[in-house]
C-alpha atoms as a PDB file:
ATOM      1  CA  MET A   1     152.350 212.995 281.013  1.00  0.00           C
ATOM      2  CA  LYS A   2     152.653 209.550 279.514  1.00  0.00           C
ATOM      3  CA  LYS A   3     149.804 208.429 277.248  1.00  0.00           C
ATOM      4  CA  THR A   4     149.022 204.940 276.044  1.00  0.00           C
ATOM      5  CA  PHE A   5     147.644 204.367 272.601  1.00  0.00           C
ATOM      6  CA  THR A   6     145.743 201.348 271.344  1.00  0.00           C
ATOM      7  CA  ASP A   7     147.049 199.417 268.353  1.00  0.00           C
ATOM      8  CA  GLU A   8     144.278 200.973 266.251  1.00  0.00           C
ATOM      9  CA  GLN A   9     145.249 204.490 267.252  1.00  0.00           C
ATOM     10  CA  ILE A  10     148.902 203.811 266.503  1.00  0.00           C
ATOM     11  CA  VAL A  11     148.114 202.482 263.023  1.00  0.00           C
ATOM     12  CA  GLY A  12     145.744 205.421 262.455  1.00  0.00           C
ATOM     13  CA  ILE A  13     148.473 207.934 263.437  1.00  0.00           C
ATOM     14  CA  LEU A  14     151.003 206.221 261.166  1.00  0.00           C
ATOM     15  CA  ARG A  15     148.520 206.051 258.239  1.00  0.00           C
ATOM     16  CA  GLY A  16     147.551 209.668 258.670  1.00  0.00           C
ATOM     17  CA  PHE A  17     151.013 211.048 258.308  1.00  0.00           C
ATOM     18  CA  GLU A  18     151.548 210.685 254.544  1.00  0.00           C
ATOM     19  CA  PRO A  19     148.323 212.377 253.435  1.00  0.00           C
ATOM     20  CA  SER A  20     148.766 215.196 255.935  1.00  0.00           C
ATOM     21  CA  GLY A  21     151.616 216.768 253.934  1.00  0.00           C
ATOM     22  CA  LYS A  22     153.260 218.006 257.143  1.00  0.00           C
ATOM     23  CA  THR A  23     156.757 217.437 258.434  1.00  0.00           C
ATOM     24  CA  ILE A  24     157.195 214.703 261.015  1.00  0.00           C
ATOM     25  CA  LYS A  25     157.879 217.335 263.680  1.00  0.00           C
ATOM     26  CA  GLU A  26     154.645 219.188 262.954  1.00  0.00           C
ATOM     27  CA  TYR A  27     152.533 216.024 262.699  1.00  0.00           C
ATOM     28  CA  CYS A  28     153.922 214.619 265.982  1.00  0.00           C
ATOM     29  CA  ARG A  29     153.212 217.891 267.754  1.00  0.00           C
ATOM     30  CA  GLU A  30     149.668 217.863 266.439  1.00  0.00           C
ATOM     31  CA  LYS A  31     149.119 214.207 267.541  1.00  0.00           C
ATOM     32  CA  ASP A  32     150.876 214.826 270.866  1.00  0.00           C
ATOM     33  CA  VAL A  33     153.480 212.106 270.204  1.00  0.00           C
ATOM     34  CA  SER A  34     157.259 212.449 270.430  1.00  0.00           C
ATOM     35  CA  GLU A  35     159.299 211.986 267.253  1.00  0.00           C
ATOM     36  CA  GLY A  36     161.142 209.093 268.840  1.00  0.00           C
ATOM     37  CA  THR A  37     157.941 207.289 269.552  1.00  0.00           C
ATOM     38  CA  PHE A  38     156.679 207.925 266.022  1.00  0.00           C
ATOM     39  CA  TYR A  39     159.865 206.374 264.553  1.00  0.00           C
ATOM     40  CA  LYS A  40     159.674 203.469 266.944  1.00  0.00           C
ATOM     41  CA  TRP A  41     156.081 202.788 265.957  1.00  0.00           C
ATOM     42  CA  ARG A  42     156.942 203.076 262.259  1.00  0.00           C
ATOM     43  CA  ASN A  43     159.743 200.547 262.596  1.00  0.00           C
ATOM     44  CA  ARG A  44     157.495 198.117 264.501  1.00  0.00           C
ATOM     45  CA  PHE A  45     154.183 198.589 262.681  1.00  0.00           C
ATOM     46  CA  GLY A  46     155.460 200.099 259.353  1.00  0.00           C
ATOM     47  CA  THR A  47     153.200 198.676 256.700  1.00  0.00           C
ATOM     48  CA  MET A  48     150.738 196.796 258.958  1.00  0.00           C
ATOM     49  CA  GLU A  49     147.076 197.327 258.911  1.00  0.00           C
ATOM     50  CA  VAL A  50     144.884 197.085 262.008  1.00  0.00           C
ATOM     51  CA  ALA A  51     143.973 193.459 261.500  1.00  0.00           C
ATOM     52  CA  GLU A  52     147.615 192.510 261.028  1.00  0.00           C
ATOM     53  CA  VAL A  53     148.584 194.304 264.236  1.00  0.00           C
ATOM     54  CA  LYS A  54     145.859 192.489 266.187  1.00  0.00           C
ATOM     55  CA  GLU A  55     147.079 189.166 264.793  1.00  0.00           C
ATOM     56  CA  TYR A  56     150.641 190.112 265.668  1.00  0.00           C
ATOM     57  CA  ARG A  57     149.675 190.829 269.301  1.00  0.00           C
ATOM     58  CA  GLN A  58     147.766 187.540 269.525  1.00  0.00           C
ATOM     59  CA  LEU A  59     150.754 185.657 268.245  1.00  0.00           C
ATOM     60  CA  GLN A  60     152.969 187.401 270.796  1.00  0.00           C
ATOM     61  CA  GLN A  61     150.657 186.435 273.602  1.00  0.00           C
ATOM     62  CA  GLU A  62     150.387 182.820 272.410  1.00  0.00           C
ATOM     63  CA  ASN A  63     154.216 182.692 272.116  1.00  0.00           C
ATOM     64  CA  ALA A  64     154.591 183.972 275.696  1.00  0.00           C
ATOM     65  CA  ARG A  65     152.080 181.370 276.906  1.00  0.00           C
ATOM     66  CA  LEU A  66     153.927 178.551 275.149  1.00  0.00           C
ATOM     67  CA  LYS A  67     157.245 179.710 276.601  1.00  0.00           C
ATOM     68  CA  ARG A  68     155.763 179.648 280.117  1.00  0.00           C
ATOM     69  CA  LEU A  69     154.414 176.145 279.503  1.00  0.00           C
ATOM     70  CA  LEU A  70     157.841 174.960 278.253  1.00  0.00           C
ATOM     71  CA  ALA A  71     159.563 176.511 281.286  1.00  0.00           C
ATOM     72  CA  GLU A  72     157.127 174.776 283.643  1.00  0.00           C
ATOM     73  CA  ARG A  73     157.640 171.432 281.896  1.00  0.00           C
ATOM     74  CA  ASP A  74     161.396 171.813 282.150  1.00  0.00           C
ATOM     75  CA  LEU A  75     161.111 172.497 285.881  1.00  0.00           C
ATOM     76  CA  GLU A  76     158.926 169.435 286.333  1.00  0.00           C
ATOM     77  CA  ILE A  77     161.436 167.281 284.457  1.00  0.00           C
ATOM     78  CA  ASP A  78     164.312 168.558 286.630  1.00  0.00           C
ATOM     79  CA  VAL A  79     162.360 167.838 289.806  1.00  0.00           C
ATOM     80  CA  ILE A  80     161.527 164.349 288.638  1.00  0.00           C
ATOM     81  CA  LYS A  81     165.187 163.669 287.751  1.00  0.00           C
ATOM     82  CA  GLU A  82     166.251 164.847 291.242  1.00  0.00           C
ATOM     83  CA  VAL A  83     163.626 162.649 292.962  1.00  0.00           C
ATOM     84  CA  LEU A  84     164.661 159.575 290.896  1.00  0.00           C
ATOM     85  CA  ALA A  85     168.350 160.250 291.495  1.00  0.00           C
ATOM     86  CA  LYS A  86     167.861 160.242 295.307  1.00  0.00           C
ATOM     87  CA  LYS A  87     165.840 156.998 295.402  1.00  0.00           C
ATOM     88  CA  TRP A  88     168.470 154.860 293.584  1.00  0.00           C
END
């Protein structure tokens, strides 16, 4: 069964590993997370705190929005060029 974790939960799981004193395999079994997922999270969120992860997600969303706006603007420019090319 696939679970989804919030950013806060991911950071909490990553932060809880070191003080637990367990191996990664034991800790992942306890938290019901695969080892691959744990390593992937650690690579992505390594030293981040909850506030930094939230800011990172907001920046990703803003970047995606700006990319969509740029793509729409490029399409509009292409359409205008085609229309102008046909009239002359």
